[in-house]
Amino acid sequence: MSTQRQAPGGRVGIVENWELRKRKSRDANSGAFKGLLFVGVALILITVGGWYASRPMVGPFLTDTFEEHPGIINYPVVSDLIAAEFSDRLDRPVSGSSEEVEFVIEPGQTVDDIQTNLVEAGLLDDASAFKYAVVRDRVDQLIKAGTYTLTPPITPAAIAARLEGSPDPPTPMVTLDMRPGRRIEQTVAYLQQESEKAELALELDPREFLKLARNPSSKMRDQYTFLKRSPQGSSLEGFLYPGTYEVPIDITSEELIHQMLGKWDDSASKFVGQARKNDVDFYDVLRVASLVEREAKDDSDRKKIAGVYWNRLDPKVNKQTNGLMQADPTVVYATDSMALEDLAVKEWDEYLFWDLLGLADYGQVDVDKKYESFQSYRNAGLPDWPIVSPSAKSIQAALNPTTKNKLLYFYACEGSDTHRFAKTARQHSKNIASCS
């Protein structure tokens, strides 16, 4: 990029920019001399041949010269001749300019950058006419960074006139609290609440978010390599990275999902490599981490809880439990899933997720066939997919579990944030009894 002199307010003038570039290879007066030479040649041709006779030769000569040396527009007579050449080009609309579009100017961009971006965006097919309108009206001294709505017909003159004004008002922003431990449907319920606010209501359709999260496109899977660790046809459960997101009020469902996947890629994709080093399937890690997320209230318990679940998967250790996870949250996940199927999405924001059912024996709960793997008191092994999007702490715990003590049970007394762990069913029963 060439060296440029910034106008007041961080803006760059085309004429000043041209003059400064020329000083690199010649003294300060040579640019003006060259400009006068061009003017002189043009005037001689007009004098000898007459304007109308010499226009086919002089016109293109002047417009080509203007493109490289915008400063000639300041010379008497020539400015009128150039104006005549551009007069029928300024209001010529770009093909296909029948819809309103938004064009963004980033801080620090020069007019040359803007012109190039307009052409690449298909909003400009006569760059010289646009440059003429900008130089003639000194628009280059007024352009500010921001978003500009361009309304049809989109012409070089119309674009220059729009850039002369202020950018569109900034889009209001909203803060979304995407907490760890939420399942996709719970996130949808939260988005439904955000879309019903009296002020600064989110404009996206929660049902569209649900559709995209449950059925990510093959293009999306290809874009994020970590998604290839999940079974083909699976949802994004487990991969919608929790956290606080500051987003424009008019963000689309696809844009929000991309932000969450992008944050996962930045913050958690390293865990895929760690799982490979540990010789363990990462999707298994993610499923265990989702159980840890729902069970652990105190960080000190995470690795032990993860260890319990890995031990229950280990045939060398799990003879007492026969490979059953016996995880309350998976059973509740199944019953919630069945209940949500009978409710409209707009009603989900009033649904009580993760209600513990009030049962003494979760093994007595019947679930639909498609949720059989989540009835972990009857079916051995992990559920078919994660039950929530876990935090990084839970993923780390699942990757580095405490398994050496061969713990198989844990229980938290009512009102306690920490669990009591045991190796045997007898010790487990004692722990439960000690809570009364």
Protein backbone atom coordinates (compact mmCIF):
# COMPACT_ATOMS: atom_id res chain seq x y z
CA MET A 1 0.00 0.00 0.00
CA SER A 2 1.37 3.43 -0.90
CA THR A 3 2.18 6.10 1.67
CA GLN A 4 -0.76 8.45 2.18
CA ARG A 5 -1.39 11.75 3.87
CA GLN A 6 -4.36 11.56 6.19
CA ALA A 7 -6.91 14.32 6.13
CA PRO A 8 -8.40 15.61 9.39
CA GLY A 9 -10.35 12.94 11.25
CA GLY A 10 -8.37 10.11 9.75
CA ARG A 11 -9.70 10.52 6.20
CA VAL A 12 -7.51 10.41 3.11
CA GLY A 13 -7.99 12.68 0.11
CA ILE A 14 -7.52 11.26 -3.37
CA VAL A 15 -5.89 14.39 -4.81
CA GLU A 16 -3.58 14.80 -1.82
CA ASN A 17 -2.76 11.10 -1.99
CA TRP A 18 -1.81 11.39 -5.66
CA GLU A 19 0.35 14.45 -5.02
CA LEU A 20 2.18 12.76 -2.16
CA ARG A 21 2.92 9.62 -4.18
CA LYS A 22 4.44 11.69 -6.96
CA ARG A 23 6.90 13.35 -4.58
CA LYS A 24 8.68 10.04 -4.16
CA SER A 25 10.13 10.20 -7.67
CA ARG A 26 10.22 13.88 -8.54
CA ASP A 27 10.35 17.25 -6.85
CA ALA A 28 7.28 19.03 -5.53
CA ASN A 29 6.64 21.07 -8.68
CA SER A 30 7.04 18.33 -11.28
CA GLY A 31 3.54 16.91 -10.69
CA ALA A 32 2.04 20.30 -11.36
CA PHE A 33 4.23 20.72 -14.43
CA LYS A 34 3.12 17.35 -15.76
CA GLY A 35 -0.49 18.30 -15.15
CA LEU A 36 -0.02 21.55 -17.07
CA LEU A 37 1.56 19.61 -19.92
CA PHE A 38 -1.51 17.37 -20.13
CA VAL A 39 -3.75 20.43 -20.10
CA GLY A 40 -1.67 22.08 -22.79
CA VAL A 41 -1.81 19.07 -25.07
CA ALA A 42 -5.57 18.83 -24.64
CA LEU A 43 -6.09 22.52 -25.37
CA ILE A 44 -3.92 22.34 -28.48
CA LEU A 45 -5.91 19.41 -29.82
CA ILE A 46 -9.18 21.21 -29.13
CA THR A 47 -7.92 24.45 -30.70
CA VAL A 48 -6.67 22.72 -33.82
CA GLY A 49 -9.47 20.22 -34.34
CA GLY A 50 -12.40 21.74 -32.49
CA TRP A 51 -14.10 20.14 -29.49
CA TYR A 52 -16.60 17.95 -31.29
CA ALA A 53 -14.08 16.80 -33.86
CA SER A 54 -11.34 16.09 -31.35
CA ARG A 55 -13.55 14.70 -28.55
CA PRO A 56 -13.23 11.01 -29.59
CA MET A 57 -9.48 11.36 -29.09
CA VAL A 58 -9.30 13.97 -26.35
CA GLY A 59 -12.14 12.58 -24.20
CA PRO A 60 -10.58 9.18 -23.44
CA PHE A 61 -7.20 10.89 -23.09
CA LEU A 62 -8.58 13.20 -20.40
CA THR A 63 -10.47 10.47 -18.48
CA ASP A 64 -7.45 8.15 -18.56
CA THR A 65 -5.23 10.99 -17.39
CA PHE A 66 -7.71 11.81 -14.60
CA GLU A 67 -7.65 8.20 -13.39
CA GLU A 68 -3.90 8.40 -12.81
CA HIS A 69 -3.67 12.13 -11.97
CA PRO A 70 -6.91 13.27 -10.25
CA GLY A 71 -5.36 16.69 -9.58
CA ILE A 72 -5.99 17.85 -13.16
CA ILE A 73 -9.64 18.39 -12.22
CA ASN A 74 -8.50 21.63 -10.59
CA TYR A 75 -7.32 23.15 -13.91
CA PRO A 76 -9.67 25.61 -15.66
CA VAL A 77 -11.28 24.46 -18.92
CA VAL A 78 -10.10 20.89 -18.40
CA SER A 79 -12.49 20.47 -15.46
CA ASP A 80 -15.41 21.31 -17.78
CA LEU A 81 -14.18 18.92 -20.44
CA ILE A 82 -13.82 16.08 -17.94
CA ALA A 83 -17.27 16.86 -16.51
CA ALA A 84 -18.72 16.48 -20.00
CA GLU A 85 -17.02 13.11 -20.39
CA PHE A 86 -18.43 11.76 -17.12
CA SER A 87 -21.86 13.39 -17.30
CA ASP A 88 -23.65 10.37 -18.79
CA ARG A 89 -21.72 7.83 -16.68
CA LEU A 90 -22.39 9.14 -13.18
CA ASP A 91 -26.04 8.06 -13.12
CA ARG A 92 -25.64 4.76 -14.93
CA PRO A 93 -26.84 2.05 -12.48
CA VAL A 94 -24.81 -1.08 -11.89
CA SER A 95 -26.43 -4.19 -13.31
CA GLY A 96 -28.71 -5.99 -10.87
CA SER A 97 -29.03 -3.03 -8.49
CA SER A 98 -32.67 -3.66 -7.66
CA GLU A 99 -32.29 -4.38 -3.95
CA GLU A 100 -31.11 -2.40 -0.96
CA VAL A 101 -27.66 -3.48 0.23
CA GLU A 102 -25.34 -2.68 3.10
CA PHE A 103 -21.71 -1.72 2.51
CA VAL A 104 -19.19 -1.62 5.34
CA ILE A 105 -16.18 0.71 5.54
CA GLU A 106 -13.60 -0.38 8.07
CA PRO A 107 -11.50 2.07 10.11
CA GLY A 108 -8.29 3.01 8.32
CA GLN A 109 -9.50 2.22 4.80
CA THR A 110 -8.53 4.64 2.03
CA VAL A 111 -10.73 5.73 -0.84
CA ASP A 112 -8.77 3.39 -3.10
CA ASP A 113 -9.60 0.53 -0.70
CA ILE A 114 -13.26 1.52 -0.71
CA GLN A 115 -13.36 1.74 -4.51
CA THR A 116 -11.77 -1.70 -4.83
CA ASN A 117 -14.21 -3.22 -2.34
CA LEU A 118 -17.19 -1.69 -4.15
CA VAL A 119 -16.05 -3.28 -7.40
CA GLU A 120 -15.42 -6.67 -5.76
CA ALA A 121 -18.85 -6.53 -4.13
CA GLY A 122 -20.49 -5.96 -7.52
CA LEU A 123 -21.76 -2.54 -6.47
CA LEU A 124 -19.60 -0.60 -8.93
CA ASP A 125 -18.66 -1.29 -12.53
CA ASP A 126 -17.42 2.19 -13.46
CA ALA A 127 -14.68 2.97 -10.96
CA SER A 128 -13.51 6.08 -12.85
CA ALA A 129 -16.95 7.67 -12.67
CA PHE A 130 -17.09 6.97 -8.92
CA LYS A 131 -13.64 8.49 -8.41
CA TYR A 132 -14.68 11.57 -10.41
CA ALA A 133 -17.79 12.09 -8.23
CA VAL A 134 -15.70 11.66 -5.06
CA VAL A 135 -13.01 14.14 -6.18
CA ARG A 136 -15.45 16.67 -7.64
CA ASP A 137 -17.53 16.87 -4.45
CA ARG A 138 -14.57 16.42 -2.08
CA VAL A 139 -16.32 13.39 -0.60
CA ASP A 140 -12.94 11.87 0.23
CA GLN A 141 -12.63 14.39 3.06
CA LEU A 142 -15.95 13.31 4.59
CA ILE A 143 -16.06 9.51 4.51
CA LYS A 144 -16.19 7.81 7.90
CA ALA A 145 -15.99 4.18 8.95
CA GLY A 146 -19.31 2.43 9.40
CA THR A 147 -22.15 0.72 7.58
CA TYR A 148 -23.85 2.47 4.67
CA THR A 149 -27.17 1.34 3.25
CA LEU A 150 -27.20 1.80 -0.54
CA THR A 151 -30.65 2.05 -2.10
CA PRO A 152 -31.50 1.46 -5.77
CA PRO A 153 -30.65 2.65 -8.29
CA ILE A 154 -27.02 2.12 -7.25
CA THR A 155 -24.98 4.47 -9.42
CA PRO A 156 -21.49 5.98 -9.04
CA ALA A 157 -23.02 9.36 -8.15
CA ALA A 158 -25.49 7.81 -5.69
CA ILE A 159 -22.75 5.87 -3.90
CA ALA A 160 -20.57 8.98 -3.61
CA ALA A 161 -23.53 10.98 -2.30
CA ARG A 162 -24.34 8.29 0.28
CA LEU A 163 -20.74 8.16 1.50
CA GLU A 164 -20.83 11.94 1.91
CA GLY A 165 -23.42 11.50 4.63
CA SER A 166 -23.13 9.83 8.02
CA PRO A 167 -23.01 6.04 8.35
CA ASP A 168 -26.13 4.15 9.39
CA PRO A 169 -26.85 4.33 13.11
CA PRO A 170 -24.98 1.53 14.89
CA THR A 171 -26.97 -1.66 15.36
CA PRO A 172 -28.03 -2.09 19.01
CA MET A 173 -26.15 -4.88 20.79
CA VAL A 174 -27.47 -7.44 23.24
CA THR A 175 -25.62 -9.64 25.70
CA LEU A 176 -26.39 -13.35 25.60
CA ASP A 177 -25.46 -15.47 28.59
CA MET A 178 -24.90 -18.93 27.14
CA ARG A 179 -24.24 -20.81 30.35
CA PRO A 180 -22.51 -24.19 30.43
CA GLY A 181 -24.74 -27.15 31.23
CA ARG A 182 -27.57 -26.19 28.89
CA ARG A 183 -28.89 -28.57 26.26
CA ILE A 184 -29.77 -27.23 22.79
CA GLU A 185 -33.49 -27.02 23.59
CA GLN A 186 -32.75 -25.10 26.77
CA THR A 187 -30.68 -22.61 24.75
CA VAL A 188 -33.61 -22.28 22.34
CA ALA A 189 -35.93 -21.55 25.30
CA TYR A 190 -33.49 -18.88 26.48
CA LEU A 191 -33.40 -17.32 23.00
CA GLN A 192 -37.20 -17.36 23.00
CA GLN A 193 -37.16 -15.33 26.21
CA GLU A 194 -34.66 -12.89 24.68
CA SER A 195 -36.88 -12.48 21.61
CA GLU A 196 -39.89 -11.56 23.77
CA LYS A 197 -38.26 -8.76 25.74
CA ALA A 198 -40.02 -5.41 25.77
CA GLU A 199 -36.78 -3.61 24.90
CA LEU A 200 -33.81 -4.74 22.80
CA ALA A 201 -35.55 -7.96 21.84
CA LEU A 202 -33.45 -10.40 19.83
CA GLU A 203 -34.75 -10.59 16.26
CA LEU A 204 -33.70 -14.13 15.33
CA ASP A 205 -36.21 -16.98 15.13
CA PRO A 206 -35.43 -19.57 17.87
CA ARG A 207 -37.03 -22.28 15.73
CA GLU A 208 -34.49 -21.60 12.98
CA PHE A 209 -31.69 -21.85 15.54
CA LEU A 210 -33.09 -25.21 16.68
CA LYS A 211 -33.28 -26.51 13.12
CA LEU A 212 -29.68 -25.56 12.35
CA ALA A 213 -28.34 -26.87 15.68
CA ARG A 214 -30.08 -30.20 15.29
CA ASN A 215 -29.19 -30.63 11.62
CA PRO A 216 -25.91 -28.87 10.79
CA SER A 217 -25.15 -28.78 7.08
CA SER A 218 -22.32 -30.76 5.54
CA LYS A 219 -20.73 -27.42 4.67
CA MET A 220 -20.69 -26.47 8.35
CA ARG A 221 -19.20 -29.83 9.28
CA ASP A 222 -16.46 -29.35 6.73
CA GLN A 223 -15.73 -25.84 7.99
CA TYR A 224 -15.08 -27.00 11.58
CA THR A 225 -12.82 -30.04 11.61
CA PHE A 226 -13.65 -30.90 15.24
CA LEU A 227 -17.23 -31.69 14.17
CA LYS A 228 -15.86 -34.63 12.23
CA ARG A 229 -15.27 -36.25 15.63
CA SER A 230 -19.03 -36.59 16.05
CA PRO A 231 -21.11 -39.27 14.27
CA GLN A 232 -22.56 -38.38 10.89
CA GLY A 233 -26.07 -37.01 11.31
CA SER A 234 -25.57 -35.95 14.93
CA SER A 235 -26.58 -32.54 16.24
CA LEU A 236 -24.28 -29.82 17.56
CA GLU A 237 -25.00 -30.86 21.14
CA GLY A 238 -21.79 -30.50 23.11
CA PHE A 239 -20.14 -28.13 20.62
CA LEU A 240 -22.05 -24.87 21.22
CA TYR A 241 -19.41 -23.23 23.35
CA PRO A 242 -20.81 -21.65 26.53
CA GLY A 243 -19.93 -18.09 27.45
CA THR A 244 -21.05 -14.47 27.21
CA TYR A 245 -21.70 -13.20 23.70
CA GLU A 246 -22.12 -9.55 22.74
CA VAL A 247 -24.08 -9.68 19.48
CA PRO A 248 -26.07 -7.29 17.27
CA ILE A 249 -29.77 -7.40 17.88
CA ASP A 250 -30.39 -8.52 14.30
CA ILE A 251 -27.91 -11.41 14.33
CA THR A 252 -29.19 -14.44 12.44
CA SER A 253 -29.40 -17.95 13.86
CA GLU A 254 -26.66 -19.13 11.51
CA GLU A 255 -24.38 -16.24 12.50
CA LEU A 256 -24.88 -16.98 16.21
CA ILE A 257 -24.15 -20.67 15.72
CA HIS A 258 -21.00 -19.81 13.78
CA GLN A 259 -19.89 -17.53 16.61
CA MET A 260 -20.37 -20.31 19.16
CA LEU A 261 -18.61 -22.89 17.00
CA GLY A 262 -15.83 -20.40 16.30
CA LYS A 263 -15.33 -19.84 20.01
CA TRP A 264 -15.25 -23.60 20.53
CA ASP A 265 -12.60 -23.84 17.83
CA ASP A 266 -10.53 -21.10 19.49
CA SER A 267 -10.94 -22.31 23.07
CA ALA A 268 -11.57 -26.05 23.09
CA SER A 269 -10.31 -27.62 19.85
CA LYS A 270 -6.98 -28.25 21.60
CA PHE A 271 -8.76 -30.95 23.59
CA VAL A 272 -9.16 -33.03 20.42
CA GLY A 273 -5.38 -33.35 20.19
CA GLN A 274 -5.13 -34.19 23.87
CA ALA A 275 -7.69 -36.97 23.44
CA ARG A 276 -5.63 -38.36 20.57
CA LYS A 277 -2.52 -38.37 22.77
CA ASN A 278 -4.50 -40.13 25.51
CA ASP A 279 -5.66 -42.70 22.94
CA VAL A 280 -9.31 -42.05 23.69
CA ASP A 281 -12.16 -41.12 21.35
CA PHE A 282 -12.90 -37.42 21.74
CA TYR A 283 -16.65 -37.86 21.32
CA ASP A 284 -16.54 -40.22 24.30
CA VAL A 285 -14.67 -37.50 26.21
CA LEU A 286 -17.35 -34.99 25.30
CA ARG A 287 -20.14 -37.29 26.44
CA VAL A 288 -18.44 -37.93 29.79
CA ALA A 289 -17.76 -34.19 30.17
CA SER A 290 -21.46 -33.44 29.63
CA LEU A 291 -22.33 -35.78 32.52
CA VAL A 292 -19.70 -34.15 34.72
CA GLU A 293 -21.14 -30.72 33.86
CA ARG A 294 -24.59 -31.68 35.09
CA GLU A 295 -23.34 -33.46 38.23
CA ALA A 296 -20.50 -31.29 39.56
CA LYS A 297 -21.24 -28.24 41.65
CA ASP A 298 -17.77 -27.83 43.09
CA ASP A 299 -14.69 -27.81 40.83
CA SER A 300 -12.82 -30.10 43.22
CA ASP A 301 -15.27 -32.90 42.37
CA ARG A 302 -14.99 -32.78 38.57
CA LYS A 303 -12.05 -35.16 38.09
CA LYS A 304 -13.41 -37.66 40.61
CA ILE A 305 -16.86 -37.66 38.98
CA ALA A 306 -15.24 -38.11 35.58
CA GLY A 307 -13.20 -40.95 37.08
CA VAL A 308 -16.34 -42.70 38.33
CA TYR A 309 -17.89 -42.67 34.85
CA TRP A 310 -14.71 -43.88 33.14
CA ASN A 311 -14.40 -46.64 35.76
CA ARG A 312 -17.95 -47.72 35.04
CA LEU A 313 -16.95 -48.12 31.39
CA ASP A 314 -13.89 -50.18 32.29
CA PRO A 315 -14.62 -53.97 32.35
CA LYS A 316 -11.68 -54.47 34.69
CA VAL A 317 -13.25 -52.24 37.33
CA ASN A 318 -17.02 -52.15 36.74
CA LYS A 319 -18.07 -55.65 37.79
CA GLN A 320 -20.24 -54.20 40.57
CA THR A 321 -22.11 -51.93 38.18
CA ASN A 322 -21.99 -54.06 35.01
CA GLY A 323 -21.13 -51.06 32.85
CA LEU A 324 -24.23 -49.08 33.85
CA MET A 325 -23.61 -45.34 34.15
CA GLN A 326 -26.60 -44.93 36.49
CA ALA A 327 -26.51 -41.19 35.81
CA ASP A 328 -29.64 -39.35 36.92
CA PRO A 329 -29.14 -36.49 34.40
CA THR A 330 -29.32 -38.86 31.40
CA VAL A 331 -32.70 -40.19 32.52
CA VAL A 332 -33.98 -36.65 33.09
CA TYR A 333 -32.62 -35.69 29.66
CA ALA A 334 -34.76 -38.44 28.12
CA THR A 335 -37.94 -37.49 30.01
CA ASP A 336 -37.42 -33.80 29.18
CA SER A 337 -36.95 -34.70 25.51
CA MET A 338 -40.23 -36.61 25.44
CA ALA A 339 -42.09 -33.78 27.20
CA LEU A 340 -40.72 -31.13 24.83
CA GLU A 341 -42.03 -33.05 21.83
CA ASP A 342 -45.56 -32.32 23.04
CA LEU A 343 -44.95 -28.59 23.45
CA ALA A 344 -44.63 -25.82 20.87
CA VAL A 345 -41.17 -24.21 20.77
CA LYS A 346 -42.64 -20.91 21.96
CA GLU A 347 -43.75 -22.69 25.15
CA TRP A 348 -40.31 -24.03 26.00
CA ASP A 349 -39.30 -20.88 27.87
CA GLU A 350 -41.86 -21.83 30.55
CA TYR A 351 -40.73 -25.45 30.82
CA LEU A 352 -38.80 -26.56 33.92
CA PHE A 353 -35.67 -28.29 32.61
CA TRP A 354 -33.72 -30.84 34.65
CA ASP A 355 -36.47 -31.48 37.19
CA LEU A 356 -35.19 -34.47 39.18
CA LEU A 357 -38.58 -36.24 38.94
CA GLY A 358 -38.72 -36.89 42.70
CA LEU A 359 -38.18 -40.63 42.27
CA ALA A 360 -36.24 -42.94 44.53
CA ASP A 361 -35.43 -45.36 41.71
CA TYR A 362 -34.63 -43.87 38.31
CA GLY A 363 -34.40 -47.38 36.93
CA GLN A 364 -38.21 -47.53 36.97
CA VAL A 365 -38.54 -44.69 34.44
CA ASP A 366 -39.66 -45.83 30.97
CA VAL A 367 -38.39 -43.89 27.96
CA ASP A 368 -39.09 -43.99 24.23
CA LYS A 369 -36.95 -46.30 22.15
CA LYS A 370 -34.92 -43.48 20.55
CA TYR A 371 -33.82 -42.41 24.04
CA GLU A 372 -33.02 -45.90 25.34
CA SER A 373 -29.30 -45.15 25.66
CA PHE A 374 -30.18 -42.32 28.07
CA GLN A 375 -31.92 -44.73 30.45
CA SER A 376 -28.51 -45.41 31.98
CA TYR A 377 -29.93 -47.52 34.84
CA ARG A 378 -30.99 -50.17 32.32
CA ASN A 379 -28.58 -49.76 29.40
CA ALA A 380 -24.81 -50.02 29.75
CA GLY A 381 -22.37 -47.54 28.26
CA LEU A 382 -22.54 -43.86 27.41
CA PRO A 383 -25.63 -42.15 25.97
CA ASP A 384 -25.67 -41.78 22.19
CA TRP A 385 -24.71 -38.11 22.33
CA PRO A 386 -23.75 -35.44 24.93
CA ILE A 387 -26.60 -34.20 27.08
CA VAL A 388 -25.31 -30.59 27.26
CA SER A 389 -22.51 -28.34 26.07
CA PRO A 390 -19.90 -28.72 28.84
CA SER A 391 -17.45 -26.13 30.11
CA ALA A 392 -13.72 -26.36 29.45
CA LYS A 393 -13.26 -27.44 33.09
CA SER A 394 -15.48 -30.46 32.59
CA ILE A 395 -13.73 -31.41 29.34
CA GLN A 396 -10.37 -31.15 31.09
CA ALA A 397 -11.70 -33.36 33.90
CA ALA A 398 -12.92 -35.95 31.41
CA LEU A 399 -9.48 -35.93 29.77
CA ASN A 400 -7.64 -36.17 33.09
CA PRO A 401 -9.93 -38.16 35.40
CA THR A 402 -9.08 -39.53 38.82
CA THR A 403 -9.39 -43.26 38.16
CA LYS A 404 -6.61 -44.83 40.19
CA ASN A 405 -8.77 -45.11 43.33
CA LYS A 406 -11.31 -47.18 41.33
CA LEU A 407 -14.22 -45.14 42.62
CA LEU A 408 -17.63 -46.28 41.32
CA TYR A 409 -20.15 -44.24 43.31
CA PHE A 410 -20.78 -40.67 44.44
CA TYR A 411 -23.53 -38.97 46.39
CA ALA A 412 -24.19 -35.43 47.56
CA CYS A 413 -26.14 -34.78 50.71
CA GLU A 414 -29.04 -32.38 50.30
CA GLY A 415 -27.80 -28.81 50.39
CA SER A 416 -24.17 -29.79 49.81
CA ASP A 417 -22.09 -28.76 46.81
CA THR A 418 -19.58 -31.57 47.26
CA HIS A 419 -19.98 -35.32 46.84
CA ARG A 420 -19.00 -38.35 48.91
CA PHE A 421 -17.26 -41.04 46.86
CA ALA A 422 -17.10 -44.80 47.33
CA LYS A 423 -15.55 -47.91 45.77
CA THR A 424 -18.31 -50.30 46.77
CA ALA A 425 -22.09 -50.33 46.98
CA ARG A 426 -21.82 -50.91 50.74
CA GLN A 427 -19.68 -47.81 51.23
CA HIS A 428 -22.07 -45.90 49.00
CA SER A 429 -25.05 -46.92 51.16
CA LYS A 430 -23.20 -45.75 54.25
CA ASN A 431 -22.52 -42.37 52.63
CA ILE A 432 -26.21 -41.97 51.82
CA ALA A 433 -27.24 -42.96 55.35
CA SER A 434 -24.79 -40.50 56.87
CA CYS A 435 -26.64 -37.62 55.23
CA SER A 436 -29.80 -38.17 57.31
